[in-house]
PDB file of N, CA and C in Angstrom:
ATOM      1  N   MET A   1      91.792  96.797  98.288  1.00  0.00           N
ATOM      2  CA  MET A   1      92.304  98.117  97.958  1.00  0.00           C
ATOM      3  C   MET A   1      91.240  98.840  97.131  1.00  0.00           C
ATOM      4  N   ASP A   2      90.954 100.054  97.534  1.00  0.00           N
ATOM      5  CA  ASP A   2      89.873 100.807  96.915  1.00  0.00           C
ATOM      6  C   ASP A   2      90.396 102.146  96.405  1.00  0.00           C
ATOM      7  N   LEU A   3      91.217 102.102  95.361  1.00  0.00           N
ATOM      8  CA  LEU A   3      91.788 103.325  94.803  1.00  0.00           C
ATOM      9  C   LEU A   3      91.048 103.699  93.529  1.00  0.00           C
ATOM     10  N   VAL A   4      90.403 104.850  93.574  1.00  0.00           N
ATOM     11  CA  VAL A   4      89.641 105.331  92.427  1.00  0.00           C
ATOM     12  C   VAL A   4      89.957 106.797  92.193  1.00  0.00           C
ATOM     13  N   ALA A   5      89.876 107.185  90.944  1.00  0.00           N
ATOM     14  CA  ALA A   5      90.089 108.594  90.622  1.00  0.00           C
ATOM     15  C   ALA A   5      89.112 109.444  91.436  1.00  0.00           C
ATOM     16  N   GLY A   6      89.600 110.594  91.866  1.00  0.00           N
ATOM     17  CA  GLY A   6      88.767 111.507  92.637  1.00  0.00           C
ATOM     18  C   GLY A   6      89.129 111.572  94.107  1.00  0.00           C
ATOM     19  N   LEU A   7      89.902 110.588  94.601  1.00  0.00           N
ATOM     20  CA  LEU A   7      90.337 110.660  96.000  1.00  0.00           C
ATOM     21  C   LEU A   7      91.143 111.936  96.195  1.00  0.00           C
ATOM     22  N   ARG A   8      90.952 112.601  97.343  1.00  0.00           N
ATOM     23  CA  ARG A   8      91.632 113.873  97.587  1.00  0.00           C
ATOM     24  C   ARG A   8      92.137 113.951  99.010  1.00  0.00           C
ATOM     25  N   ALA A   9      93.110 114.823  99.173  1.00  0.00           N
ATOM     26  CA  ALA A   9      93.582 115.154 100.524  1.00  0.00           C
ATOM     27  C   ALA A   9      94.227 116.528 100.466  1.00  0.00           C
ATOM     28  N   ARG A  10      94.330 117.138 101.639  1.00  0.00           N
ATOM     29  CA  ARG A  10      95.004 118.430 101.740  1.00  0.00           C
ATOM     30  C   ARG A  10      95.826 118.445 103.007  1.00  0.00           C
ATOM     31  N   VAL A  11      96.949 119.105 102.920  1.00  0.00           N
ATOM     32  CA  VAL A  11      97.816 119.288 104.087  1.00  0.00           C
ATOM     33  C   VAL A  11      98.212 120.758 104.138  1.00  0.00           C
ATOM     34  N   GLU A  12      98.468 121.236 105.347  1.00  0.00           N
ATOM     35  CA  GLU A  12      98.813 122.641 105.535  1.00  0.00           C
ATOM     36  C   GLU A  12     100.192 122.773 106.155  1.00  0.00           C
ATOM     37  N   LEU A  13     100.816 123.906 105.883  1.00  0.00           N
ATOM     38  CA  LEU A  13     102.115 124.227 106.454  1.00  0.00           C
ATOM     39  C   LEU A  13     102.178 125.723 106.695  1.00  0.00           C
ATOM     40  N   THR A  14     102.542 126.100 107.915  1.00  0.00           N
ATOM     41  CA  THR A  14     102.855 127.490 108.189  1.00  0.00           C
ATOM     42  C   THR A  14     104.359 127.633 107.990  1.00  0.00           C
ATOM     43  N   VAL A  15     104.743 128.477 107.067  1.00  0.00           N
ATOM     44  CA  VAL A  15     106.135 128.609 106.646  1.00  0.00           C
ATOM     45  C   VAL A  15     106.983 129.186 107.775  1.00  0.00           C
ATOM     46  N   THR A  16     108.093 128.492 108.070  1.00  0.00           N
ATOM     47  CA  THR A  16     109.058 128.953 109.070  1.00  0.00           C
ATOM     48  C   THR A  16     110.392 129.212 108.374  1.00  0.00           C
ATOM     49  N   ASP A  17     111.333 129.748 109.123  1.00  0.00           N
ATOM     50  CA  ASP A  17     112.668 129.983 108.564  1.00  0.00           C
ATOM     51  C   ASP A  17     113.290 128.695 108.029  1.00  0.00           C
ATOM     52  N   ALA A  18     112.985 127.557 108.644  1.00  0.00           N
ATOM     53  CA  ALA A  18     113.551 126.274 108.219  1.00  0.00           C
ATOM     54  C   ALA A  18     113.023 125.820 106.857  1.00  0.00           C
ATOM     55  N   ASP A  19     111.917 126.407 106.394  1.00  0.00           N
ATOM     56  CA  ASP A  19     111.302 126.032 105.121  1.00  0.00           C
ATOM     57  C   ASP A  19     111.766 126.901 103.956  1.00  0.00           C
ATOM     58  N   THR A  20     112.627 127.862 104.211  1.00  0.00           N
ATOM     59  CA  THR A  20     113.015 128.812 103.163  1.00  0.00           C
ATOM     60  C   THR A  20     114.078 128.254 102.231  1.00  0.00           C
ATOM     61  N   ALA A  21     114.150 128.871 101.075  1.00  0.00           N
ATOM     62  CA  ALA A  21     115.179 128.493 100.097  1.00  0.00           C
ATOM     63  C   ALA A  21     116.571 128.662 100.706  1.00  0.00           C
ATOM     64  N   GLN A  22     116.759 129.707 101.509  1.00  0.00           N
ATOM     65  CA  GLN A  22     118.057 129.920 102.167  1.00  0.00           C
ATOM     66  C   GLN A  22     118.405 128.724 103.055  1.00  0.00           C
ATOM     67  N   ALA A  23     117.468 128.292 103.877  1.00  0.00           N
ATOM     68  CA  ALA A  23     117.731 127.197 104.821  1.00  0.00           C
ATOM     69  C   ALA A  23     117.922 125.864 104.107  1.00  0.00           C
ATOM     70  N   LEU A  24     117.214 125.681 103.006  1.00  0.00           N
ATOM     71  CA  LEU A  24     117.263 124.400 102.295  1.00  0.00           C
ATOM     72  C   LEU A  24     118.401 124.314 101.288  1.00  0.00           C
ATOM     73  N   GLY A  25     119.065 125.429 101.047  1.00  0.00           N
ATOM     74  CA  GLY A  25     120.174 125.434 100.100  1.00  0.00           C
ATOM     75  C   GLY A  25     119.732 125.444  98.653  1.00  0.00           C
ATOM     76  N   SER A  26     118.472 125.825  98.429  1.00  0.00           N
ATOM     77  CA  SER A  26     117.974 125.836  97.045  1.00  0.00           C
ATOM     78  C   SER A  26     117.896 127.249  96.476  1.00  0.00           C
ATOM     79  N   GLY A  27     118.455 128.193  97.186  1.00  0.00           N
ATOM     80  CA  GLY A  27     118.454 129.577  96.735  1.00  0.00           C
ATOM     81  C   GLY A  27     118.918 130.468  97.863  1.00  0.00           C
ATOM     82  N   ASP A  28     118.873 131.774  97.635  1.00  0.00           N
ATOM     83  CA  ASP A  28     119.361 132.682  98.677  1.00  0.00           C
ATOM     84  C   ASP A  28     118.306 133.696  99.110  1.00  0.00           C
ATOM     85  N   VAL A  29     117.036 133.321  98.946  1.00  0.00           N
ATOM     86  CA  VAL A  29     115.954 134.219  99.348  1.00  0.00           C
ATOM     87  C   VAL A  29     115.179 133.626 100.527  1.00  0.00           C
ATOM     88  N   PRO A  30     114.675 134.494 101.413  1.00  0.00           N
ATOM     89  CA  PRO A  30     113.998 134.026 102.621  1.00  0.00           C
ATOM     90  C   PRO A  30     112.505 133.757 102.417  1.00  0.00           C
ATOM     91  N   VAL A  31     112.173 132.970 101.394  1.00  0.00           N
ATOM     92  CA  VAL A  31     110.785 132.589 101.121  1.00  0.00           C
ATOM     93  C   VAL A  31     110.720 131.063 101.002  1.00  0.00           C
ATOM     94  N   LEU A  32     109.504 130.533 100.995  1.00  0.00           N
ATOM     95  CA  LEU A  32     109.286 129.093 100.901  1.00  0.00           C
ATOM     96  C   LEU A  32     110.083 128.505  99.737  1.00  0.00           C
ATOM     97  N   GLY A  33     110.927 127.526 100.050  1.00  0.00           N
ATOM     98  CA  GLY A  33     111.786 126.898  99.046  1.00  0.00           C
ATOM     99  C   GLY A  33     111.051 125.831  98.249  1.00  0.00           C
ATOM    100  N   THR A  34     111.446 125.687  97.006  1.00  0.00           N
ATOM    101  CA  THR A  34     110.823 124.700  96.123  1.00  0.00           C
ATOM    102  C   THR A  34     110.908 123.275  96.670  1.00  0.00           C
ATOM    103  N   PRO A  35     112.028 122.838  97.277  1.00  0.00           N
ATOM    104  CA  PRO A  35     112.044 121.483  97.826  1.00  0.00           C
ATOM    105  C   PRO A  35     110.961 121.258  98.891  1.00  0.00           C
ATOM    106  N   ARG A  36     110.673 122.296  99.668  1.00  0.00           N
ATOM    107  CA  ARG A  36     109.642 122.166 100.701  1.00  0.00           C
ATOM    108  C   ARG A  36     108.251 122.151 100.075  1.00  0.00           C
ATOM    109  N   VAL A  37     108.069 122.920  98.997  1.00  0.00           N
ATOM    110  CA  VAL A  37     106.800 122.904  98.266  1.00  0.00           C
ATOM    111  C   VAL A  37     106.549 121.502  97.724  1.00  0.00           C
ATOM    112  N   LEU A  38     107.579 120.901  97.139  1.00  0.00           N
ATOM    113  CA  LEU A  38     107.452 119.547  96.600  1.00  0.00           C
ATOM    114  C   LEU A  38     107.131 118.545  97.703  1.00  0.00           C
ATOM    115  N   ALA A  39     107.831 118.627  98.821  1.00  0.00           N
ATOM    116  CA  ALA A  39     107.576 117.700  99.932  1.00  0.00           C
ATOM    117  C   ALA A  39     106.136 117.830 100.428  1.00  0.00           C
ATOM    118  N   LEU A  40     105.636 119.040 100.485  1.00  0.00           N
ATOM    119  CA  LEU A  40     104.261 119.260 100.923  1.00  0.00           C
ATOM    120  C   LEU A  40     103.271 118.665  99.926  1.00  0.00           C
ATOM    121  N   ALA A  41     103.519 118.871  98.645  1.00  0.00           N
ATOM    122  CA  ALA A  41     102.646 118.298  97.611  1.00  0.00           C
ATOM    123  C   ALA A  41     102.654 116.770  97.688  1.00  0.00           C
ATOM    124  N   GLU A  42     103.840 116.191  97.880  1.00  0.00           N
ATOM    125  CA  GLU A  42     103.919 114.730  97.998  1.00  0.00           C
ATOM    126  C   GLU A  42     103.198 114.234  99.249  1.00  0.00           C
ATOM    127  N   ALA A  43     103.292 114.979 100.342  1.00  0.00           N
ATOM    128  CA  ALA A  43     102.575 114.591 101.570  1.00  0.00           C
ATOM    129  C   ALA A  43     101.077 114.529 101.314  1.00  0.00           C
ATOM    130  N   ALA A  44     100.566 115.447 100.514  1.00  0.00           N
ATOM    131  CA  ALA A  44      99.132 115.425 100.188  1.00  0.00           C
ATOM    132  C   ALA A  44      98.785 114.198  99.353  1.00  0.00           C
ATOM    133  N   THR A  45      99.673 113.790  98.428  1.00  0.00           N
ATOM    134  CA  THR A  45      99.391 112.601  97.623  1.00  0.00           C
ATOM    135  C   THR A  45      99.387 111.347  98.496  1.00  0.00           C
ATOM    136  N   VAL A  46     100.311 111.281  99.429  1.00  0.00           N
ATOM    137  CA  VAL A  46     100.362 110.135 100.346  1.00  0.00           C
ATOM    138  C   VAL A  46      99.082 110.083 101.183  1.00  0.00           C
ATOM    139  N   ALA A  47      98.666 111.223 101.688  1.00  0.00           N
ATOM    140  CA  ALA A  47      97.465 111.284 102.527  1.00  0.00           C
ATOM    141  C   ALA A  47      96.210 110.879 101.751  1.00  0.00           C
ATOM    142  N   ALA A  48      96.182 111.164 100.449  1.00  0.00           N
ATOM    143  CA  ALA A  48      94.999 110.857  99.647  1.00  0.00           C
ATOM    144  C   ALA A  48      94.723 109.363  99.548  1.00  0.00           C
ATOM    145  N   THR A  49      95.743 108.545  99.661  1.00  0.00           N
ATOM    146  CA  THR A  49      95.551 107.095  99.492  1.00  0.00           C
ATOM    147  C   THR A  49      95.877 106.280 100.729  1.00  0.00           C
ATOM    148  N   ALA A  50      96.429 106.893 101.750  1.00  0.00           N
ATOM    149  CA  ALA A  50      96.944 106.155 102.918  1.00  0.00           C
ATOM    150  C   ALA A  50      95.923 105.210 103.542  1.00  0.00           C
ATOM    151  N   SER A  51      94.697 105.623 103.674  1.00  0.00           N
ATOM    152  CA  SER A  51      93.707 104.771 104.338  1.00  0.00           C
ATOM    153  C   SER A  51      93.061 103.773 103.379  1.00  0.00           C
ATOM    154  N   ARG A  52      93.432 103.807 102.113  1.00  0.00           N
ATOM    155  CA  ARG A  52      92.800 102.950 101.108  1.00  0.00           C
ATOM    156  C   ARG A  52      93.693 101.832 100.586  1.00  0.00           C
ATOM    157  N   ILE A  53      94.975 101.815 100.983  1.00  0.00           N
ATOM    158  CA  ILE A  53      95.858 100.773 100.460  1.00  0.00           C
ATOM    159  C   ILE A  53      95.985  99.635 101.467  1.00  0.00           C
ATOM    160  N   ASP A  54      96.288  98.456 100.947  1.00  0.00           N
ATOM    161  CA  ASP A  54      96.391  97.257 101.773  1.00  0.00           C
ATOM    162  C   ASP A  54      97.567  97.346 102.737  1.00  0.00           C
ATOM    163  N   PRO A  55      97.451  96.709 103.904  1.00  0.00           N
ATOM    164  CA  PRO A  55      98.592  96.644 104.825  1.00  0.00           C
ATOM    165  C   PRO A  55      99.784  95.988 104.119  1.00  0.00           C
ATOM    166  N   GLY A  56     100.966  96.506 104.392  1.00  0.00           N
ATOM    167  CA  GLY A  56     102.168  95.977 103.756  1.00  0.00           C
ATOM    168  C   GLY A  56     102.459  96.616 102.412  1.00  0.00           C
ATOM    169  N   THR A  57     101.552  97.458 101.964  1.00  0.00           N
ATOM    170  CA  THR A  57     101.720  98.160 100.694  1.00  0.00           C
ATOM    171  C   THR A  57     101.978  99.636 100.988  1.00  0.00           C
ATOM    172  N   THR A  58     102.747 100.262 100.132  1.00  0.00           N
ATOM    173  CA  THR A  58     102.964 101.698 100.238  1.00  0.00           C
ATOM    174  C   THR A  58     103.058 102.257  98.828  1.00  0.00           C
ATOM    175  N   THR A  59     103.198 103.571  98.729  1.00  0.00           N
ATOM    176  CA  THR A  59     103.432 104.184  97.429  1.00  0.00           C
ATOM    177  C   THR A  59     104.769 104.897  97.475  1.00  0.00           C
ATOM    178  N   VAL A  60     105.434 104.921  96.333  1.00  0.00           N
ATOM    179  CA  VAL A  60     106.695 105.649  96.224  1.00  0.00           C
ATOM    180  C   VAL A  60     106.599 106.594  95.034  1.00  0.00           C
ATOM    181  N   GLY A  61     107.216 107.751  95.182  1.00  0.00           N
ATOM    182  CA  GLY A  61     107.213 108.732  94.111  1.00  0.00           C
ATOM    183  C   GLY A  61     108.150 108.315  92.996  1.00  0.00           C
ATOM    184  N   THR A  62     107.689 108.498  91.744  1.00  0.00           N
ATOM    185  CA  THR A  62     108.508 108.130  90.594  1.00  0.00           C
ATOM    186  C   THR A  62     108.697 109.270  89.599  1.00  0.00           C
ATOM    187  N   ARG A  63     107.796 110.242  89.625  1.00  0.00           N
ATOM    188  CA  ARG A  63     107.897 111.341  88.658  1.00  0.00           C
ATOM    189  C   ARG A  63     107.167 112.555  89.215  1.00  0.00           C
ATOM    190  N   VAL A  64     107.751 113.732  88.956  1.00  0.00           N
ATOM    191  CA  VAL A  64     107.148 114.984  89.415  1.00  0.00           C
ATOM    192  C   VAL A  64     107.278 116.039  88.319  1.00  0.00           C
ATOM    193  N   GLU A  65     106.209 116.766  88.103  1.00  0.00           N
ATOM    194  CA  GLU A  65     106.212 117.978  87.278  1.00  0.00           C
ATOM    195  C   GLU A  65     105.613 119.053  88.159  1.00  0.00           C
ATOM    196  N   LEU A  66     106.394 120.076  88.497  1.00  0.00           N
ATOM    197  CA  LEU A  66     105.902 121.090  89.423  1.00  0.00           C
ATOM    198  C   LEU A  66     106.338 122.462  88.956  1.00  0.00           C
ATOM    199  N   ASP A  67     105.377 123.341  88.815  1.00  0.00           N
ATOM    200  CA  ASP A  67     105.657 124.735  88.488  1.00  0.00           C
ATOM    201  C   ASP A  67     105.499 125.543  89.768  1.00  0.00           C
ATOM    202  N   HIS A  68     106.611 126.103  90.249  1.00  0.00           N
ATOM    203  CA  HIS A  68     106.595 126.959  91.443  1.00  0.00           C
ATOM    204  C   HIS A  68     106.405 128.378  90.926  1.00  0.00           C
ATOM    205  N   LYS A  69     105.216 128.954  91.170  1.00  0.00           N
ATOM    206  CA  LYS A  69     104.802 130.172  90.485  1.00  0.00           C
ATOM    207  C   LYS A  69     104.882 131.453  91.301  1.00  0.00           C
ATOM    208  N   ALA A  70     104.865 131.338  92.625  1.00  0.00           N
ATOM    209  CA  ALA A  70     104.801 132.566  93.428  1.00  0.00           C
ATOM    210  C   ALA A  70     105.543 132.374  94.745  1.00  0.00           C
ATOM    211  N   PRO A  71     106.176 133.447  95.248  1.00  0.00           N
ATOM    212  CA  PRO A  71     106.890 133.363  96.526  1.00  0.00           C
ATOM    213  C   PRO A  71     105.922 133.401  97.707  1.00  0.00           C
ATOM    214  N   THR A  72     106.312 132.738  98.789  1.00  0.00           N
ATOM    215  CA  THR A  72     105.510 132.736 100.011  1.00  0.00           C
ATOM    216  C   THR A  72     106.422 133.105 101.169  1.00  0.00           C
ATOM    217  N   PRO A  73     106.103 134.190 101.887  1.00  0.00           N
ATOM    218  CA  PRO A  73     106.960 134.617 102.989  1.00  0.00           C
ATOM    219  C   PRO A  73     106.767 133.780 104.246  1.00  0.00           C
ATOM    220  N   VAL A  74     107.756 133.836 105.109  1.00  0.00           N
ATOM    221  CA  VAL A  74     107.682 133.192 106.428  1.00  0.00           C
ATOM    222  C   VAL A  74     106.448 133.734 107.151  1.00  0.00           C
ATOM    223  N   GLY A  75     105.742 132.835 107.829  1.00  0.00           N
ATOM    224  CA  GLY A  75     104.549 133.215 108.579  1.00  0.00           C
ATOM    225  C   GLY A  75     103.248 132.933 107.858  1.00  0.00           C
ATOM    226  N   HIS A  76     103.285 132.830 106.533  1.00  0.00           N
ATOM    227  CA  HIS A  76     102.070 132.510 105.789  1.00  0.00           C
ATOM    228  C   HIS A  76     101.794 131.009 105.860  1.00  0.00           C
ATOM    229  N   THR A  77     100.530 130.646 105.744  1.00  0.00           N
ATOM    230  CA  THR A  77     100.141 129.245 105.728  1.00  0.00           C
ATOM    231  C   THR A  77      99.768 128.853 104.312  1.00  0.00           C
ATOM    232  N   VAL A  78     100.379 127.782 103.820  1.00  0.00           N
ATOM    233  CA  VAL A  78     100.062 127.262 102.498  1.00  0.00           C
ATOM    234  C   VAL A  78      99.310 125.946 102.651  1.00  0.00           C
ATOM    235  N   VAL A  79      98.456 125.676 101.675  1.00  0.00           N
ATOM    236  CA  VAL A  79      97.655 124.457 101.654  1.00  0.00           C
ATOM    237  C   VAL A  79      97.971 123.707 100.377  1.00  0.00           C
ATOM    238  N   ALA A  80      98.381 122.454 100.512  1.00  0.00           N
ATOM    239  CA  ALA A  80      98.617 121.588  99.357  1.00  0.00           C
ATOM    240  C   ALA A  80      97.428 120.653  99.213  1.00  0.00           C
ATOM    241  N   GLU A  81      96.898 120.598  98.005  1.00  0.00           N
ATOM    242  CA  GLU A  81      95.774 119.718  97.708  1.00  0.00           C
ATOM    243  C   GLU A  81      96.197 118.745  96.618  1.00  0.00           C
ATOM    244  N   ALA A  82      95.874 117.484  96.815  1.00  0.00           N
ATOM    245  CA  ALA A  82      96.180 116.464  95.813  1.00  0.00           C
ATOM    246  C   ALA A  82      94.895 115.727  95.464  1.00  0.00           C
ATOM    247  N   THR A  83      94.721 115.484  94.177  1.00  0.00           N
ATOM    248  CA  THR A  83      93.580 114.711  93.700  1.00  0.00           C
ATOM    249  C   THR A  83      94.114 113.567  92.852  1.00  0.00           C
ATOM    250  N   LEU A  84      93.684 112.363  93.155  1.00  0.00           N
ATOM    251  CA  LEU A  84      94.062 111.202  92.349  1.00  0.00           C
ATOM    252  C   LEU A  84      93.316 111.309  91.020  1.00  0.00           C
ATOM    253  N   ALA A  85      94.044 111.575  89.959  1.00  0.00           N
ATOM    254  CA  ALA A  85      93.438 111.810  88.643  1.00  0.00           C
ATOM    255  C   ALA A  85      93.280 110.528  87.837  1.00  0.00           C
ATOM    256  N   LYS A  86      94.218 109.572  88.036  1.00  0.00           N
ATOM    257  CA  LYS A  86      94.188 108.364  87.211  1.00  0.00           C
ATOM    258  C   LYS A  86      94.838 107.203  87.953  1.00  0.00           C
ATOM    259  N   VAL A  87      94.217 106.037  87.833  1.00  0.00           N
ATOM    260  CA  VAL A  87      94.783 104.794  88.357  1.00  0.00           C
ATOM    261  C   VAL A  87      95.032 103.895  87.154  1.00  0.00           C
ATOM    262  N   ASP A  88      96.297 103.502  86.964  1.00  0.00           N
ATOM    263  CA  ASP A  88      96.676 102.656  85.839  1.00  0.00           C
ATOM    264  C   ASP A  88      97.467 101.484  86.404  1.00  0.00           C
ATOM    265  N   GLY A  89      96.771 100.441  86.822  1.00  0.00           N
ATOM    266  CA  GLY A  89      97.431  99.318  87.492  1.00  0.00           C
ATOM    267  C   GLY A  89      98.022  99.795  88.807  1.00  0.00           C
ATOM    268  N   ARG A  90      99.338  99.652  88.943  1.00  0.00           N
ATOM    269  CA  ARG A  90     100.024 100.093  90.171  1.00  0.00           C
ATOM    270  C   ARG A  90     100.388 101.577  90.122  1.00  0.00           C
ATOM    271  N   ARG A  91     100.248 102.201  88.962  1.00  0.00           N
ATOM    272  CA  ARG A  91     100.649 103.594  88.766  1.00  0.00           C
ATOM    273  C   ARG A  91      99.503 104.544  89.128  1.00  0.00           C
ATOM    274  N   LEU A  92      99.830 105.536  89.948  1.00  0.00           N
ATOM    275  CA  LEU A  92      98.840 106.517  90.392  1.00  0.00           C
ATOM    276  C   LEU A  92      99.299 107.901  89.951  1.00  0.00           C
ATOM    277  N   LEU A  93      98.431 108.639  89.276  1.00  0.00           N
ATOM    278  CA  LEU A  93      98.766 109.978  88.822  1.00  0.00           C
ATOM    279  C   LEU A  93      97.904 110.989  89.575  1.00  0.00           C
ATOM    280  N   PHE A  94      98.568 111.938  90.226  1.00  0.00           N
ATOM    281  CA  PHE A  94      97.895 112.962  91.015  1.00  0.00           C
ATOM    282  C   PHE A  94      98.071 114.330  90.384  1.00  0.00           C
ATOM    283  N   GLU A  95      97.045 115.151  90.492  1.00  0.00           N
ATOM    284  CA  GLU A  95      97.127 116.573  90.196  1.00  0.00           C
ATOM    285  C   GLU A  95      97.321 117.258  91.539  1.00  0.00           C
ATOM    286  N   VAL A  96      98.279 118.170  91.627  1.00  0.00           N
ATOM    287  CA  VAL A  96      98.557 118.844  92.895  1.00  0.00           C
ATOM    288  C   VAL A  96      98.511 120.358  92.705  1.00  0.00           C
ATOM    289  N   ARG A  97      98.110 121.021  93.779  1.00  0.00           N
ATOM    290  CA  ARG A  97      98.069 122.485  93.779  1.00  0.00           C
ATOM    291  C   ARG A  97      98.396 122.958  95.184  1.00  0.00           C
ATOM    292  N   VAL A  98      99.253 123.955  95.283  1.00  0.00           N
ATOM    293  CA  VAL A  98      99.623 124.556  96.568  1.00  0.00           C
ATOM    294  C   VAL A  98      99.183 126.014  96.516  1.00  0.00           C
ATOM    295  N   ARG A  99      98.453 126.439  97.546  1.00  0.00           N
ATOM    296  CA  ARG A  99      97.914 127.797  97.573  1.00  0.00           C
ATOM    297  C   ARG A  99      98.306 128.525  98.852  1.00  0.00           C
ATOM    298  N   ASP A 100      98.465 129.824  98.723  1.00  0.00           N
ATOM    299  CA  ASP A 100      98.620 130.751  99.839  1.00  0.00           C
ATOM    300  C   ASP A 100      97.411 131.667  99.731  1.00  0.00           C
ATOM    301  N   ARG A 101      96.426 131.401 100.552  1.00  0.00           N
ATOM    302  CA  ARG A 101      95.121 132.061 100.421  1.00  0.00           C
ATOM    303  C   ARG A 101      94.571 131.746  99.037  1.00  0.00           C
ATOM    304  N   GLU A 102      94.336 132.758  98.220  1.00  0.00           N
ATOM    305  CA  GLU A 102      93.797 132.517  96.872  1.00  0.00           C
ATOM    306  C   GLU A 102      94.879 132.486  95.796  1.00  0.00           C
ATOM    307  N   ILE A 103      96.114 132.681  96.176  1.00  0.00           N
ATOM    308  CA  ILE A 103      97.216 132.693  95.215  1.00  0.00           C
ATOM    309  C   ILE A 103      97.723 131.273  94.998  1.00  0.00           C
ATOM    310  N   THR A 104      97.843 130.861  93.742  1.00  0.00           N
ATOM    311  CA  THR A 104      98.432 129.561  93.439  1.00  0.00           C
ATOM    312  C   THR A 104      99.946 129.698  93.520  1.00  0.00           C
ATOM    313  N   VAL A 105     100.515 129.023  94.495  1.00  0.00           N
ATOM    314  CA  VAL A 105     101.958 129.043  94.717  1.00  0.00           C
ATOM    315  C   VAL A 105     102.647 128.059  93.781  1.00  0.00           C
ATOM    316  N   ALA A 106     102.024 126.893  93.599  1.00  0.00           N
ATOM    317  CA  ALA A 106     102.610 125.850  92.746  1.00  0.00           C
ATOM    318  C   ALA A 106     101.503 124.923  92.280  1.00  0.00           C
ATOM    319  N   GLU A 107     101.738 124.296  91.136  1.00  0.00           N
ATOM    320  CA  GLU A 107     100.808 123.278  90.646  1.00  0.00           C
ATOM    321  C   GLU A 107     101.551 122.333  89.724  1.00  0.00           C
ATOM    322  N   GLY A 108     101.004 121.133  89.601  1.00  0.00           N
ATOM    323  CA  GLY A 108     101.646 120.160  88.732  1.00  0.00           C
ATOM    324  C   GLY A 108     101.082 118.774  88.912  1.00  0.00           C
ATOM    325  N   ARG A 109     101.926 117.791  88.631  1.00  0.00           N
ATOM    326  CA  ARG A 109     101.529 116.387  88.696  1.00  0.00           C
ATOM    327  C   ARG A 109     102.586 115.581  89.445  1.00  0.00           C
ATOM    328  N   VAL A 110     102.111 114.609  90.185  1.00  0.00           N
ATOM    329  CA  VAL A 110     102.998 113.692  90.896  1.00  0.00           C
ATOM    330  C   VAL A 110     102.556 112.278  90.554  1.00  0.00           C
ATOM    331  N   GLU A 111     103.510 111.457  90.140  1.00  0.00           N
ATOM    332  CA  GLU A 111     103.228 110.051  89.875  1.00  0.00           C
ATOM    333  C   GLU A 111     103.813 109.224  91.007  1.00  0.00           C
ATOM    334  N   ARG A 112     103.011 108.291  91.511  1.00  0.00           N
ATOM    335  CA  ARG A 112     103.457 107.364  92.541  1.00  0.00           C
ATOM    336  C   ARG A 112     103.118 105.954  92.078  1.00  0.00           C
ATOM    337  N   VAL A 113     103.835 104.979  92.604  1.00  0.00           N
ATOM    338  CA  VAL A 113     103.607 103.582  92.247  1.00  0.00           C
ATOM    339  C   VAL A 113     103.385 102.782  93.519  1.00  0.00           C
ATOM    340  N   LEU A 114     102.410 101.904  93.479  1.00  0.00           N
ATOM    341  CA  LEU A 114     102.147 100.987  94.599  1.00  0.00           C
ATOM    342  C   LEU A 114     103.226  99.909  94.629  1.00  0.00           C
ATOM    343  N   VAL A 115     103.803  99.677  95.808  1.00  0.00           N
ATOM    344  CA  VAL A 115     104.833  98.645  95.964  1.00  0.00           C
ATOM    345  C   VAL A 115     104.610  97.896  97.270  1.00  0.00           C
ATOM    346  N   ASP A 116     105.168  96.706  97.325  1.00  0.00           N
ATOM    347  CA  ASP A 116     105.237  95.951  98.567  1.00  0.00           C
ATOM    348  C   ASP A 116     106.325  96.593  99.427  1.00  0.00           C
ATOM    349  N   ARG A 117     105.965  97.117 100.579  1.00  0.00           N
ATOM    350  CA  ARG A 117     106.900  97.874 101.420  1.00  0.00           C
ATOM    351  C   ARG A 117     108.144  97.051 101.776  1.00  0.00           C
ATOM    352  N   HIS A 118     107.957  95.834 102.245  1.00  0.00           N
ATOM    353  CA  HIS A 118     109.097  95.008 102.671  1.00  0.00           C
ATOM    354  C   HIS A 118     110.045  94.725 101.505  1.00  0.00           C
ATOM    355  N   ARG A 119     109.489  94.312 100.375  1.00  0.00           N
ATOM    356  CA  ARG A 119     110.316  93.985  99.209  1.00  0.00           C
ATOM    357  C   ARG A 119     111.068  95.231  98.709  1.00  0.00           C
ATOM    358  N   PHE A 120     110.409  96.378  98.709  1.00  0.00           N
ATOM    359  CA  PHE A 120     111.031  97.616  98.251  1.00  0.00           C
ATOM    360  C   PHE A 120     112.212  97.999  99.140  1.00  0.00           C
ATOM    361  N   VAL A 121     112.018  97.946 100.446  1.00  0.00           N
ATOM    362  CA  VAL A 121     113.096  98.284 101.382  1.00  0.00           C
ATOM    363  C   VAL A 121     114.236  97.292 101.253  1.00  0.00           C
ATOM    364  N   GLN A 122     113.896  96.015 101.114  1.00  0.00           N
ATOM    365  CA  GLN A 122     114.920  94.980 100.968  1.00  0.00           C
ATOM    366  C   GLN A 122     115.780  95.223  99.739  1.00  0.00           C
ATOM    367  N   GLN A 123     115.169  95.631  98.633  1.00  0.00           N
ATOM    368  CA  GLN A 123     115.925  95.925  97.408  1.00  0.00           C
ATOM    369  C   GLN A 123     116.926  97.049  97.641  1.00  0.00           C
ATOM    370  N   ALA A 124     116.554  98.024  98.428  1.00  0.00           N
ATOM    371  CA  ALA A 124     117.443  99.150  98.702  1.00  0.00           C
ATOM    372  C   ALA A 124     118.686  98.680  99.428  1.00  0.00           C
ATOM    373  N   PHE A 125     118.537  97.746 100.356  1.00  0.00           N
ATOM    374  CA  PHE A 125     119.667  97.282 101.132  1.00  0.00           C
ATOM    375  C   PHE A 125     120.471  96.197 100.430  1.00  0.00           C
ATOM    376  N   ASP A 126     119.867  95.539  99.450  1.00  0.00           N
ATOM    377  CA  ASP A 126     120.579  94.514  98.678  1.00  0.00           C
ATOM    378  C   ASP A 126     121.422  95.125  97.570  1.00  0.00           C
ATOM    379  N   ALA A 127     121.159  96.366  97.251  1.00  0.00           N
ATOM    380  CA  ALA A 127     121.855  97.005  96.122  1.00  0.00           C
ATOM    381  C   ALA A 127     123.302  97.287  96.416  1.00  0.00           C
TER     382      ALA A 127
END
């Protein structure tokens, strides 16, 4: 496993009606909803480490701090960028930023933890 600070990834999303706060139930406005912004930011964190973790291992989200700063209308394309800022044993801390062109739509931090995929899933079903 080769996880070091500085790993990065970016993912893009063209906003559709299904991504709006109205569609997601997180508000009543027809702009990119915060739950979708968070999912996009998390997708970037997953992409940043996916090719570097051992088979049978995955990461799971444990903590999020996200400031949703600007609305994004349907039809615009947003880019989520994640940078692995710190590796502390199994704990991974990412800095995330979501942009619509040059406008910062959201920014914050996402913490993920390395886990054994099989054992983690098994715990969910044993509970």
